[in-house]
C-alpha cells in the first residue's frame, strides 16, 4: 500500500508498478471499515466503498480477459442484454451476502492475476474493440495491450478518487492517514495514523 508508485526500470515495469499502485489504493480506503460502513452511500452518488471494491475486481477481470485473448476476442457473452446489464449494475453494489473481507480477498486475487498477465503479455498485441456498447469507438478497430493497461490504470485511479470522497464522508478519514494506519507508520507531528473513533 505505497504512498507513491515505485521507481521503474522500463516500460513493462512502469505499467506493472503504476497499476499495482492504483490497485493498492482500494485496500487503504477500506482499511478499518465494517461491512455496514462499506455498504454506506453517504455522498451524492449511489456508490459505496464495497461496491467500488467489487467493481475494481470486475473491471480488471473484463479487460484482462481481452488481454488474455489478444489478438482474438474472449468467448461471447450470450446472455440477453437485460441480464448482462443487470450483472454489470450488480458489480457496483455490495450485496447483503458480501463482506469487506471477501471483497478484499477477491480483489487481491484479481490484482495478482492482472499483474501476472501484464508481466507476460505482448504489449503490442491487438485487442479488438467491442461493438456491443455505444461508448466503444466506431472508428478504431483495435487497441494495443499497452493501451488497455493504461486505460485500466486511469479507470482504477478515477474510482479510487470516488472511494476517497466516500470514505471521508463516512468517518472523516483521508488517504495518507489510512495508509499510515495500514502500514503502521510512526505518528508524525503533521500526520497521525487513522484510528477508529471511540
C-alpha atoms as a PDB file:
ATOM      1  CA  UNK A   1       0.000   0.000   0.000  1.00  0.00           C
ATOM      2  CA  UNK A   2       2.637   2.519  -1.025  1.00  0.00           C
ATOM      3  CA  UNK A   3       2.145   6.267  -0.804  1.00  0.00           C
ATOM      4  CA  UNK A   4       3.938   6.603  -4.167  1.00  0.00           C
ATOM      5  CA  UNK A   5       4.493   4.305  -7.139  1.00  0.00           C
ATOM      6  CA  UNK A   6       7.962   2.678  -7.121  1.00  0.00           C
ATOM      7  CA  UNK A   7      10.879   3.651  -9.374  1.00  0.00           C
ATOM      8  CA  UNK A   8      10.721   1.888 -12.736  1.00  0.00           C
ATOM      9  CA  UNK A   9      13.314   0.202 -14.966  1.00  0.00           C
ATOM     10  CA  UNK A  10      11.475   0.003 -18.262  1.00  0.00           C
ATOM     11  CA  UNK A  11       8.042   0.277 -19.856  1.00  0.00           C
ATOM     12  CA  UNK A  12       6.649  -3.039 -18.601  1.00  0.00           C
ATOM     13  CA  UNK A  13       7.949  -2.371 -15.116  1.00  0.00           C
ATOM     14  CA  UNK A  14       6.269   1.062 -15.235  1.00  0.00           C
ATOM     15  CA  UNK A  15       2.946  -0.402 -16.358  1.00  0.00           C
ATOM     16  CA  UNK A  16       3.021  -3.049 -13.624  1.00  0.00           C
ATOM     17  CA  UNK A  17       4.255  -0.615 -10.959  1.00  0.00           C
ATOM     18  CA  UNK A  18       1.666   2.050 -11.650  1.00  0.00           C
ATOM     19  CA  UNK A  19      -1.159  -0.479 -11.939  1.00  0.00           C
ATOM     20  CA  UNK A  20      -0.144  -2.044  -8.608  1.00  0.00           C
ATOM     21  CA  UNK A  21      -0.039   1.417  -7.068  1.00  0.00           C
ATOM     22  CA  UNK A  22      -3.608   2.169  -8.174  1.00  0.00           C
ATOM     23  CA  UNK A  23      -4.757  -1.301  -7.078  1.00  0.00           C
ATOM     24  CA  UNK A  24      -3.381  -0.680  -3.581  1.00  0.00           C
ATOM     25  CA  UNK A  25      -5.484   2.452  -3.043  1.00  0.00           C
ATOM     26  CA  UNK A  26      -8.603   0.320  -2.576  1.00  0.00           C
ATOM     27  CA  UNK A  27      -7.068  -1.561   0.349  1.00  0.00           C
ATOM     28  CA  UNK A  28      -6.141   1.675   2.092  1.00  0.00           C
ATOM     29  CA  UNK A  29      -9.559   3.266   1.599  1.00  0.00           C
ATOM     30  CA  UNK A  30     -11.305   0.172   3.003  1.00  0.00           C
ATOM     31  CA  UNK A  31      -8.945  -0.113   5.996  1.00  0.00           C
ATOM     32  CA  UNK A  32     -10.862  -0.497   9.250  1.00  0.00           C
ATOM     33  CA  UNK A  33     -14.365  -0.380   7.759  1.00  0.00           C
ATOM     34  CA  UNK A  34     -17.169  -2.586   8.978  1.00  0.00           C
ATOM     35  CA  UNK A  35     -19.431  -4.290   6.444  1.00  0.00           C
ATOM     36  CA  UNK A  36     -22.162  -1.791   7.280  1.00  0.00           C
ATOM     37  CA  UNK A  37     -19.842   1.171   6.670  1.00  0.00           C
ATOM     38  CA  UNK A  38     -18.614  -0.357   3.415  1.00  0.00           C
ATOM     39  CA  UNK A  39     -22.237  -0.578   2.180  1.00  0.00           C
ATOM     40  CA  UNK A  40     -22.958   3.048   3.102  1.00  0.00           C
ATOM     41  CA  UNK A  41     -23.642   5.600   0.358  1.00  0.00           C
ATOM     42  CA  UNK A  42     -23.045   8.890   2.220  1.00  0.00           C
ATOM     43  CA  UNK A  43     -22.151  11.028  -0.811  1.00  0.00           C
ATOM     44  CA  UNK A  44     -24.348  12.324  -3.629  1.00  0.00           C
ATOM     45  CA  UNK A  45     -23.827   9.174  -5.716  1.00  0.00           C
ATOM     46  CA  UNK A  46     -25.103   5.654  -5.087  1.00  0.00           C
ATOM     47  CA  UNK A  47     -21.539   4.324  -4.883  1.00  0.00           C
ATOM     48  CA  UNK A  48     -20.181   2.636  -1.762  1.00  0.00           C
ATOM     49  CA  UNK A  49     -16.692   1.501  -0.796  1.00  0.00           C
ATOM     50  CA  UNK A  50     -17.855  -2.120  -1.010  1.00  0.00           C
ATOM     51  CA  UNK A  51     -19.339  -1.565  -4.444  1.00  0.00           C
ATOM     52  CA  UNK A  52     -16.105   0.039  -5.633  1.00  0.00           C
ATOM     53  CA  UNK A  53     -14.042  -2.878  -4.278  1.00  0.00           C
ATOM     54  CA  UNK A  54     -16.308  -5.199  -6.240  1.00  0.00           C
ATOM     55  CA  UNK A  55     -16.101  -3.076  -9.393  1.00  0.00           C
ATOM     56  CA  UNK A  56     -12.302  -2.728  -9.176  1.00  0.00           C
ATOM     57  CA  UNK A  57     -12.079  -6.519  -9.385  1.00  0.00           C
ATOM     58  CA  UNK A  58     -14.756  -6.818 -12.074  1.00  0.00           C
ATOM     59  CA  UNK A  59     -13.378  -4.146 -14.392  1.00  0.00           C
ATOM     60  CA  UNK A  60      -9.941  -5.742 -14.243  1.00  0.00           C
ATOM     61  CA  UNK A  61     -11.428  -9.166 -14.923  1.00  0.00           C
ATOM     62  CA  UNK A  62     -13.194  -7.889 -18.044  1.00  0.00           C
ATOM     63  CA  UNK A  63     -10.197  -6.077 -19.511  1.00  0.00           C
ATOM     64  CA  UNK A  64      -7.757  -8.854 -18.629  1.00  0.00           C
ATOM     65  CA  UNK A  65      -9.983 -11.380 -20.436  1.00  0.00           C
ATOM     66  CA  UNK A  66      -9.430  -9.230 -23.531  1.00  0.00           C
ATOM     67  CA  UNK A  67      -5.661  -9.095 -22.910  1.00  0.00           C
ATOM     68  CA  UNK A  68      -5.506 -12.891 -22.445  1.00  0.00           C
ATOM     69  CA  UNK A  69      -7.428 -13.455 -25.690  1.00  0.00           C
ATOM     70  CA  UNK A  70      -5.500 -10.904 -27.804  1.00  0.00           C
ATOM     71  CA  UNK A  71      -5.300 -10.751 -30.757  1.00  0.00           C
ATOM     72  CA  UNK A  72      -8.549 -12.711 -30.630  1.00  0.00           C
ATOM     73  CA  UNK A  73     -11.605 -11.977 -28.506  1.00  0.00           C
ATOM     74  CA  UNK A  74     -12.893 -13.587 -25.313  1.00  0.00           C
ATOM     75  CA  UNK A  75     -15.801 -16.031 -25.622  1.00  0.00           C
ATOM     76  CA  UNK A  76     -19.007 -14.098 -26.319  1.00  0.00           C
ATOM     77  CA  UNK A  77     -21.494 -13.445 -23.545  1.00  0.00           C
ATOM     78  CA  UNK A  78     -24.666 -14.970 -24.977  1.00  0.00           C
ATOM     79  CA  UNK A  79     -26.970 -13.827 -22.179  1.00  0.00           C
ATOM     80  CA  UNK A  80     -29.775 -11.430 -23.108  1.00  0.00           C
ATOM     81  CA  UNK A  81     -28.684  -7.772 -22.889  1.00  0.00           C
ATOM     82  CA  UNK A  82     -31.015  -7.215 -19.900  1.00  0.00           C
ATOM     83  CA  UNK A  83     -29.207  -9.959 -17.949  1.00  0.00           C
ATOM     84  CA  UNK A  84     -25.808  -8.616 -18.942  1.00  0.00           C
ATOM     85  CA  UNK A  85     -26.747  -5.088 -17.854  1.00  0.00           C
ATOM     86  CA  UNK A  86     -28.157  -6.380 -14.546  1.00  0.00           C
ATOM     87  CA  UNK A  87     -24.862  -8.178 -13.890  1.00  0.00           C
ATOM     88  CA  UNK A  88     -22.937  -5.027 -14.736  1.00  0.00           C
ATOM     89  CA  UNK A  89     -25.103  -2.942 -12.365  1.00  0.00           C
ATOM     90  CA  UNK A  90     -24.634  -5.545  -9.603  1.00  0.00           C
ATOM     91  CA  UNK A  91     -20.875  -5.102  -9.928  1.00  0.00           C
ATOM     92  CA  UNK A  92     -21.261  -1.662  -8.292  1.00  0.00           C
ATOM     93  CA  UNK A  93     -23.316  -2.860  -5.314  1.00  0.00           C
ATOM     94  CA  UNK A  94     -22.141  -4.517  -2.118  1.00  0.00           C
ATOM     95  CA  UNK A  95     -24.904  -7.061  -1.657  1.00  0.00           C
ATOM     96  CA  UNK A  96     -26.175  -8.367   1.676  1.00  0.00           C
ATOM     97  CA  UNK A  97     -24.132 -11.563   1.204  1.00  0.00           C
ATOM     98  CA  UNK A  98     -20.899  -9.635   0.522  1.00  0.00           C
ATOM     99  CA  UNK A  99     -18.339  -8.851   3.215  1.00  0.00           C
ATOM    100  CA  UNK A 100     -15.419  -6.436   3.197  1.00  0.00           C
ATOM    101  CA  UNK A 101     -13.054  -9.341   3.847  1.00  0.00           C
ATOM    102  CA  UNK A 102     -14.491 -11.363   0.956  1.00  0.00           C
ATOM    103  CA  UNK A 103     -14.393  -8.418  -1.448  1.00  0.00           C
ATOM    104  CA  UNK A 104     -10.800  -7.643  -0.472  1.00  0.00           C
ATOM    105  CA  UNK A 105      -9.783 -11.283  -0.991  1.00  0.00           C
ATOM    106  CA  UNK A 106     -11.413 -11.287  -4.445  1.00  0.00           C
ATOM    107  CA  UNK A 107      -9.702  -8.011  -5.338  1.00  0.00           C
ATOM    108  CA  UNK A 108      -6.300  -9.272  -4.169  1.00  0.00           C
ATOM    109  CA  UNK A 109      -6.682 -12.391  -6.319  1.00  0.00           C
ATOM    110  CA  UNK A 110      -7.719 -10.375  -9.384  1.00  0.00           C
ATOM    111  CA  UNK A 111      -4.933  -7.844  -8.835  1.00  0.00           C
ATOM    112  CA  UNK A 112      -2.377 -10.663  -8.813  1.00  0.00           C
ATOM    113  CA  UNK A 113      -3.854 -12.185 -11.979  1.00  0.00           C
ATOM    114  CA  UNK A 114      -3.845  -8.806 -13.750  1.00  0.00           C
ATOM    115  CA  UNK A 115      -0.194  -8.221 -12.864  1.00  0.00           C
ATOM    116  CA  UNK A 116       0.715 -11.762 -13.941  1.00  0.00           C
ATOM    117  CA  UNK A 117      -0.862 -11.246 -17.359  1.00  0.00           C
ATOM    118  CA  UNK A 118       0.701  -7.832 -17.817  1.00  0.00           C
ATOM    119  CA  UNK A 119       4.086  -9.265 -16.892  1.00  0.00           C
ATOM    120  CA  UNK A 120       3.999 -11.628 -19.872  1.00  0.00           C
ATOM    121  CA  UNK A 121       1.605 -10.164 -22.467  1.00  0.00           C
ATOM    122  CA  UNK A 122       2.780  -8.816 -25.806  1.00  0.00           C
ATOM    123  CA  UNK A 123       2.276  -5.077 -25.257  1.00  0.00           C
ATOM    124  CA  UNK A 124       1.823  -4.526 -28.997  1.00  0.00           C
ATOM    125  CA  UNK A 125      -0.812  -7.263 -29.460  1.00  0.00           C
ATOM    126  CA  UNK A 126      -4.082  -6.057 -30.926  1.00  0.00           C
ATOM    127  CA  UNK A 127      -7.124  -6.028 -28.642  1.00  0.00           C
ATOM    128  CA  UNK A 128     -10.234  -5.831 -30.860  1.00  0.00           C
ATOM    129  CA  UNK A 129     -12.639  -3.052 -29.928  1.00  0.00           C
ATOM    130  CA  UNK A 130     -16.004  -4.478 -28.802  1.00  0.00           C
ATOM    131  CA  UNK A 131     -19.041  -3.414 -30.810  1.00  0.00           C
ATOM    132  CA  UNK A 132     -21.757  -4.106 -28.238  1.00  0.00           C
ATOM    133  CA  UNK A 133     -21.925  -0.744 -26.446  1.00  0.00           C
ATOM    134  CA  UNK A 134     -22.172   2.839 -27.701  1.00  0.00           C
ATOM    135  CA  UNK A 135     -19.178   4.097 -25.700  1.00  0.00           C
ATOM    136  CA  UNK A 136     -16.722   1.994 -27.708  1.00  0.00           C
ATOM    137  CA  UNK A 137     -15.319   3.943 -30.685  1.00  0.00           C
ATOM    138  CA  UNK A 138     -16.586   3.061 -34.148  1.00  0.00           C
ATOM    139  CA  UNK A 139     -13.529   4.448 -35.928  1.00  0.00           C
ATOM    140  CA  UNK A 140     -10.984   2.202 -34.138  1.00  0.00           C
ATOM    141  CA  UNK A 141     -10.580  -1.483 -34.991  1.00  0.00           C
ATOM    142  CA  UNK A 142      -8.240  -2.457 -32.163  1.00  0.00           C
ATOM    143  CA  UNK A 143      -6.278  -1.101 -29.232  1.00  0.00           C
ATOM    144  CA  UNK A 144      -2.916  -2.434 -28.128  1.00  0.00           C
ATOM    145  CA  UNK A 145      -2.454  -4.338 -24.865  1.00  0.00           C
ATOM    146  CA  UNK A 146      -0.397  -1.306 -23.800  1.00  0.00           C
ATOM    147  CA  UNK A 147      -3.457   0.946 -24.326  1.00  0.00           C
ATOM    148  CA  UNK A 148      -5.663  -1.429 -22.307  1.00  0.00           C
ATOM    149  CA  UNK A 149      -3.254  -1.327 -19.364  1.00  0.00           C
ATOM    150  CA  UNK A 150      -3.063   2.471 -19.443  1.00  0.00           C
ATOM    151  CA  UNK A 151      -6.854   2.651 -19.657  1.00  0.00           C
ATOM    152  CA  UNK A 152      -7.159   0.332 -16.659  1.00  0.00           C
ATOM    153  CA  UNK A 153      -4.704   2.445 -14.623  1.00  0.00           C
ATOM    154  CA  UNK A 154      -6.826   5.509 -15.407  1.00  0.00           C
ATOM    155  CA  UNK A 155     -10.081   3.775 -14.540  1.00  0.00           C
ATOM    156  CA  UNK A 156      -8.792   2.498 -11.202  1.00  0.00           C
ATOM    157  CA  UNK A 157      -7.405   5.960 -10.383  1.00  0.00           C
ATOM    158  CA  UNK A 158     -10.771   7.548 -11.093  1.00  0.00           C
ATOM    159  CA  UNK A 159     -12.615   5.066  -8.892  1.00  0.00           C
ATOM    160  CA  UNK A 160     -10.011   5.386  -6.127  1.00  0.00           C
ATOM    161  CA  UNK A 161     -10.843   9.103  -6.106  1.00  0.00           C
ATOM    162  CA  UNK A 162     -14.530   8.276  -5.784  1.00  0.00           C
ATOM    163  CA  UNK A 163     -13.654   5.954  -2.896  1.00  0.00           C
ATOM    164  CA  UNK A 164     -11.601   8.686  -1.159  1.00  0.00           C
ATOM    165  CA  UNK A 165     -14.600  11.031  -1.128  1.00  0.00           C
ATOM    166  CA  UNK A 166     -16.957   8.313   0.113  1.00  0.00           C
ATOM    167  CA  UNK A 167     -14.566   7.267   2.887  1.00  0.00           C
ATOM    168  CA  UNK A 168     -14.078  10.832   4.048  1.00  0.00           C
ATOM    169  CA  UNK A 169     -17.871  11.215   4.120  1.00  0.00           C
ATOM    170  CA  UNK A 170     -18.199   8.090   6.293  1.00  0.00           C
ATOM    171  CA  UNK A 171     -15.760   8.935   9.080  1.00  0.00           C
ATOM    172  CA  UNK A 172     -13.525  11.808   8.009  1.00  0.00           C
ATOM    173  CA  UNK A 173     -10.574   9.519   7.210  1.00  0.00           C
ATOM    174  CA  UNK A 174      -8.253  10.573   4.390  1.00  0.00           C
ATOM    175  CA  UNK A 175      -5.836   8.556   2.280  1.00  0.00           C
ATOM    176  CA  UNK A 176      -2.488   9.306   3.926  1.00  0.00           C
ATOM    177  CA  UNK A 177      -3.744   8.675   7.455  1.00  0.00           C
ATOM    178  CA  UNK A 178      -5.335   5.420   6.236  1.00  0.00           C
ATOM    179  CA  UNK A 179      -2.095   4.332   4.542  1.00  0.00           C
ATOM    180  CA  UNK A 180      -0.214   5.280   7.721  1.00  0.00           C
ATOM    181  CA  UNK A 181      -2.564   3.098   9.785  1.00  0.00           C
ATOM    182  CA  UNK A 182      -2.477   0.157   7.377  1.00  0.00           C
ATOM    183  CA  UNK A 183       1.333   0.335   7.086  1.00  0.00           C
ATOM    184  CA  UNK A 184       1.777   1.054  10.817  1.00  0.00           C
ATOM    185  CA  UNK A 185       3.811   4.218  10.283  1.00  0.00           C
ATOM    186  CA  UNK A 186       5.030   6.063  13.342  1.00  0.00           C
ATOM    187  CA  UNK A 187       2.946   9.170  14.144  1.00  0.00           C
ATOM    188  CA  UNK A 188       4.445  12.433  12.907  1.00  0.00           C
ATOM    189  CA  UNK A 189       3.735  15.980  14.069  1.00  0.00           C
ATOM    190  CA  UNK A 190       1.975  16.507  10.710  1.00  0.00           C
ATOM    191  CA  UNK A 191       0.411  13.050  10.216  1.00  0.00           C
ATOM    192  CA  UNK A 192      -1.412  10.824  12.680  1.00  0.00           C
ATOM    193  CA  UNK A 193      -2.307   7.299  11.536  1.00  0.00           C
ATOM    194  CA  UNK A 194      -6.068   6.765  11.413  1.00  0.00           C
ATOM    195  CA  UNK A 195      -7.737   5.131  14.405  1.00  0.00           C
ATOM    196  CA  UNK A 196     -11.380   4.134  14.756  1.00  0.00           C
ATOM    197  CA  UNK A 197     -13.445   6.620  16.728  1.00  0.00           C
ATOM    198  CA  UNK A 198     -14.422   5.571  20.236  1.00  0.00           C
END
